Amino acid sequence: MDTFVGRRLSVIASVANLLGARPDLVGIRPAVALPLEQLGVELGVELDDITEGRDLDAGLRELGTRRP
């Protein structure tokens, strides 16, 4: 995960929030998710709006538990 990808994810999450949606990034391994969070802190990029899920099933479960 590099700075370009981190910034793009931040922009996508911001646009999704403006449209009333919450992004859910699935299929991401813990070895990638941790550097993604660290990258956000180092660059001052807001990645808190992105929910991560291990796989599609976890992402769908997360969507099922969200309340509008």
C-alpha atoms as a PDB file:
ATOM      1  CA  MET A   1       0.000   0.000   0.000  1.00  0.00           C
ATOM      2  CA  ASP A   2       1.539   3.305  -1.018  1.00  0.00           C
ATOM      3  CA  THR A   3       0.649   6.970  -0.588  1.00  0.00           C
ATOM      4  CA  PHE A   4      -1.104   7.180  -3.958  1.00  0.00           C
ATOM      5  CA  VAL A   5      -3.504   4.355  -3.102  1.00  0.00           C
ATOM      6  CA  GLY A   6      -4.076   5.731   0.399  1.00  0.00           C
ATOM      7  CA  ARG A   7      -5.010   9.155  -0.927  1.00  0.00           C
ATOM      8  CA  ARG A   8      -7.302   7.671  -3.591  1.00  0.00           C
ATOM      9  CA  LEU A   9      -9.117   5.584  -0.963  1.00  0.00           C
ATOM     10  CA  SER A  10      -9.532   8.704   1.159  1.00  0.00           C
ATOM     11  CA  VAL A  11     -11.034  10.645  -1.760  1.00  0.00           C
ATOM     12  CA  ILE A  12     -13.368   7.773  -2.651  1.00  0.00           C
ATOM     13  CA  ALA A  13     -14.541   7.512   0.974  1.00  0.00           C
ATOM     14  CA  SER A  14     -15.159  11.269   1.133  1.00  0.00           C
ATOM     15  CA  VAL A  15     -17.213  11.233  -2.068  1.00  0.00           C
ATOM     16  CA  ALA A  16     -19.175   8.195  -0.892  1.00  0.00           C
ATOM     17  CA  ASN A  17     -19.979   9.976   2.372  1.00  0.00           C
ATOM     18  CA  LEU A  18     -21.186  13.038   0.470  1.00  0.00           C
ATOM     19  CA  LEU A  19     -23.551  10.738  -1.416  1.00  0.00           C
ATOM     20  CA  GLY A  20     -24.820   9.221   1.842  1.00  0.00           C
ATOM     21  CA  ALA A  21     -22.970   5.909   1.528  1.00  0.00           C
ATOM     22  CA  ARG A  22     -20.376   4.237   3.723  1.00  0.00           C
ATOM     23  CA  PRO A  23     -17.578   2.416   1.908  1.00  0.00           C
ATOM     24  CA  ASP A  24     -16.651  -1.101   2.975  1.00  0.00           C
ATOM     25  CA  LEU A  25     -13.301  -2.416   1.748  1.00  0.00           C
ATOM     26  CA  VAL A  26     -13.308  -6.222   1.674  1.00  0.00           C
ATOM     27  CA  GLY A  27     -10.729  -8.840   0.821  1.00  0.00           C
ATOM     28  CA  ILE A  28      -7.947  -7.033   2.622  1.00  0.00           C
ATOM     29  CA  ARG A  29      -5.458  -9.007   4.688  1.00  0.00           C
ATOM     30  CA  PRO A  30      -4.380  -7.843   8.151  1.00  0.00           C
ATOM     31  CA  ALA A  31      -0.838  -7.442   6.798  1.00  0.00           C
ATOM     32  CA  VAL A  32      -2.205  -4.776   4.438  1.00  0.00           C
ATOM     33  CA  ALA A  33      -4.847  -3.242   6.705  1.00  0.00           C
ATOM     34  CA  LEU A  34      -2.390  -2.254   9.428  1.00  0.00           C
ATOM     35  CA  PRO A  35      -0.047  -0.358   7.078  1.00  0.00           C
ATOM     36  CA  LEU A  36      -3.146   1.300   5.589  1.00  0.00           C
ATOM     37  CA  GLU A  37      -4.066   2.689   9.010  1.00  0.00           C
ATOM     38  CA  GLN A  38      -0.479   3.766   9.676  1.00  0.00           C
ATOM     39  CA  LEU A  39      -0.336   5.434   6.276  1.00  0.00           C
ATOM     40  CA  GLY A  40      -3.438   7.439   7.115  1.00  0.00           C
ATOM     41  CA  VAL A  41      -1.852   8.668  10.344  1.00  0.00           C
ATOM     42  CA  GLU A  42       1.460   9.556   8.696  1.00  0.00           C
ATOM     43  CA  LEU A  43      -0.105  11.440   5.792  1.00  0.00           C
ATOM     44  CA  GLY A  44      -2.944  12.991   7.727  1.00  0.00           C
ATOM     45  CA  VAL A  45      -5.344  11.202   5.391  1.00  0.00           C
ATOM     46  CA  GLU A  46      -8.776  10.433   6.780  1.00  0.00           C
ATOM     47  CA  LEU A  47      -9.445   6.707   6.405  1.00  0.00           C
ATOM     48  CA  ASP A  48     -11.754   6.302   9.409  1.00  0.00           C
ATOM     49  CA  ASP A  49     -14.828   6.270   7.180  1.00  0.00           C
ATOM     50  CA  ILE A  50     -13.705   3.063   5.481  1.00  0.00           C
ATOM     51  CA  THR A  51     -14.785  -0.184   7.117  1.00  0.00           C
ATOM     52  CA  GLU A  52     -12.529  -3.144   6.407  1.00  0.00           C
ATOM     53  CA  GLY A  53     -13.646  -6.728   6.085  1.00  0.00           C
ATOM     54  CA  ARG A  54     -11.622  -9.904   5.733  1.00  0.00           C
ATOM     55  CA  ASP A  55     -13.770 -11.253   2.903  1.00  0.00           C
ATOM     56  CA  LEU A  56     -17.064 -10.694   1.123  1.00  0.00           C
ATOM     57  CA  ASP A  57     -19.031 -12.620   3.761  1.00  0.00           C
ATOM     58  CA  ALA A  58     -17.630 -10.391   6.521  1.00  0.00           C
ATOM     59  CA  GLY A  59     -18.475  -7.310   4.463  1.00  0.00           C
ATOM     60  CA  LEU A  60     -22.042  -8.467   3.913  1.00  0.00           C
ATOM     61  CA  ARG A  61     -22.438  -9.215   7.626  1.00  0.00           C
ATOM     62  CA  GLU A  62     -21.216  -5.689   8.384  1.00  0.00           C
ATOM     63  CA  LEU A  63     -23.742  -4.236   5.969  1.00  0.00           C
ATOM     64  CA  GLY A  64     -26.498  -6.278   7.609  1.00  0.00           C
ATOM     65  CA  THR A  65     -25.698  -4.860  11.059  1.00  0.00           C
ATOM     66  CA  ARG A  66     -25.654  -1.195  10.030  1.00  0.00           C
ATOM     67  CA  ARG A  67     -28.517   0.997  11.026  1.00  0.00           C
ATOM     68  CA  PRO A  68     -29.545   3.926   8.786  1.00  0.00           C
END
